[in-house]
Protein backbone atom coordinates (compact mmCIF):
# COMPACT_ATOMS: atom_id res chain seq x y z
CA MET A 1 -11.71 -46.94 -13.42
CA VAL A 2 -11.72 -43.63 -14.13
CA ASP A 3 -13.73 -43.10 -11.35
CA ASN A 4 -10.94 -43.93 -9.48
CA LEU A 5 -9.06 -41.21 -10.98
CA VAL A 6 -11.00 -38.33 -11.31
CA GLU A 7 -10.75 -36.11 -7.98
CA ARG A 8 -14.24 -34.29 -7.44
CA ASN A 9 -14.72 -31.12 -5.71
CA ILE A 10 -17.51 -31.19 -3.86
CA PRO A 11 -18.71 -26.90 -2.65
CA ILE A 12 -18.52 -26.16 0.53
CA ILE A 13 -20.51 -23.33 -0.29
CA GLN A 14 -22.93 -22.30 -2.24
CA ASP A 15 -23.90 -18.89 -3.58
CA ILE A 16 -27.83 -18.15 -3.95
CA ASP A 17 -28.07 -14.31 -4.56
CA GLY A 18 -25.48 -12.92 -2.86
CA PHE A 19 -26.42 -15.22 0.45
CA PRO A 20 -23.38 -17.57 1.06
CA LYS A 21 -24.66 -20.67 1.86
CA ILE A 22 -22.59 -23.50 4.11
CA LEU A 23 -23.69 -27.08 2.62
CA ARG A 24 -21.36 -28.80 5.25
CA MET A 25 -23.47 -28.15 8.05
CA LYS A 26 -20.87 -30.63 10.60
CA MET A 27 -18.33 -27.13 10.69
CA THR A 28 -17.71 -25.08 13.82
CA VAL A 29 -18.82 -22.05 13.90
CA PRO A 30 -15.37 -21.09 13.47
CA ASP A 31 -14.68 -22.96 10.36
CA ARG A 32 -18.06 -21.75 8.96
CA ILE A 33 -16.52 -17.93 9.42
CA MET A 34 -12.81 -18.99 7.92
CA ALA A 35 -14.74 -20.87 4.81
CA ILE A 36 -17.05 -17.42 4.06
CA ALA A 37 -13.71 -15.08 4.52
CA TYR A 38 -12.15 -17.30 2.51
CA VAL A 39 -14.36 -16.53 -0.56
CA LYS A 40 -14.79 -13.07 0.29
CA GLY A 41 -11.58 -12.40 0.33
CA ALA A 42 -9.93 -9.07 -0.02
CA GLN A 43 -13.69 -7.71 0.18
CA GLY A 44 -13.67 -8.73 3.45
CA LEU A 45 -17.18 -8.87 4.97
CA ASP A 46 -19.37 -7.59 8.31
CA THR A 47 -20.14 -8.99 11.11
CA LYS A 48 -23.68 -8.06 10.65
CA ASP A 49 -23.95 -10.10 7.61
CA LEU A 50 -22.13 -13.29 9.62
CA GLN A 51 -25.18 -12.73 11.70
CA LYS A 52 -27.83 -13.10 9.11
CA TRP A 53 -25.96 -15.82 7.10
CA LEU A 54 -25.04 -18.20 9.85
CA LYS A 55 -28.02 -17.50 11.87
CA PRO A 56 -26.66 -18.68 15.55
CA ALA A 57 -29.20 -19.24 17.83
CA LYS A 58 -26.86 -16.62 20.02
CA SER A 59 -25.30 -13.66 18.19
CA SER A 60 -22.55 -13.94 20.99
CA VAL A 61 -21.27 -17.60 19.47
CA ILE A 62 -20.16 -15.13 16.35
CA MET A 63 -18.85 -12.66 18.30
CA VAL A 64 -16.64 -14.48 20.99
CA ALA A 65 -15.17 -16.96 17.71
CA LEU A 66 -14.39 -13.80 15.79
CA LEU A 67 -12.53 -12.59 18.33
CA ARG A 68 -10.83 -15.94 18.99
CA LEU A 69 -9.45 -16.20 14.98
CA ASP A 70 -9.04 -12.38 15.35
CA ARG A 71 -6.83 -12.75 19.08
CA ASP A 72 -5.84 -15.84 19.19
CA LYS A 73 -4.81 -17.33 15.96
CA ALA A 74 -4.68 -14.33 13.77
CA PHE A 75 -6.84 -16.29 10.88
CA LEU A 76 -8.37 -12.38 10.53
CA HIS A 77 -7.69 -8.94 11.15
CA ARG A 78 -11.02 -6.95 12.18
CA GLU A 79 -11.17 -3.27 12.41
CA GLY A 80 -14.89 -2.26 13.57
CA ASP A 81 -17.53 -4.67 12.03
CA ARG A 82 -15.25 -5.40 9.31
CA CYS A 83 -13.45 -9.03 9.12
CA ARG A 84 -10.48 -9.82 6.51
CA ILE A 85 -8.77 -13.11 6.10
CA THR A 86 -5.05 -12.96 6.60
CA ILE A 87 -2.71 -14.91 4.78
CA SER A 88 -2.42 -17.63 8.19
CA GLY A 89 -6.28 -17.76 7.84
CA SER A 90 -6.10 -18.51 3.98
CA LYS A 91 -3.59 -21.05 4.91
CA TYR A 92 -5.52 -22.98 7.13
CA VAL A 93 -8.58 -22.89 5.05
CA GLU A 94 -6.92 -24.20 2.18
CA GLU A 95 -4.82 -27.48 4.55
CA GLU A 96 -7.67 -27.71 7.33
CA ILE A 97 -11.22 -27.29 5.79
CA GLY A 98 -10.06 -28.02 2.07
CA SER A 99 -11.23 -26.56 -1.20
CA VAL A 100 -13.81 -23.92 -0.13
CA LEU A 101 -15.91 -24.19 -3.47
CA VAL A 102 -18.44 -22.30 -4.31
CA ASN A 103 -21.42 -23.28 -7.07
């Protein structure tokens, strides 16, 4: 009975010595970017770090996703190699991706 009342939050990201490891493998690249951007908050993140953390087969996948998240959806704000999440980006993460907890 208690199990039915308890809400369990399972982390989406685990921080391993500063490396944000995505634990939900079926997430799209844009959603992975948004989850990391949400965790990084006002600090923002560097596109080179994203390449290292997400390890895409092609680096262009991340760059295209960043362009769309910035230009088409206004979920991120990019200046050079730095990205910061916007208010609408935070709202998207909270409503669509779910609880982004760091373990």
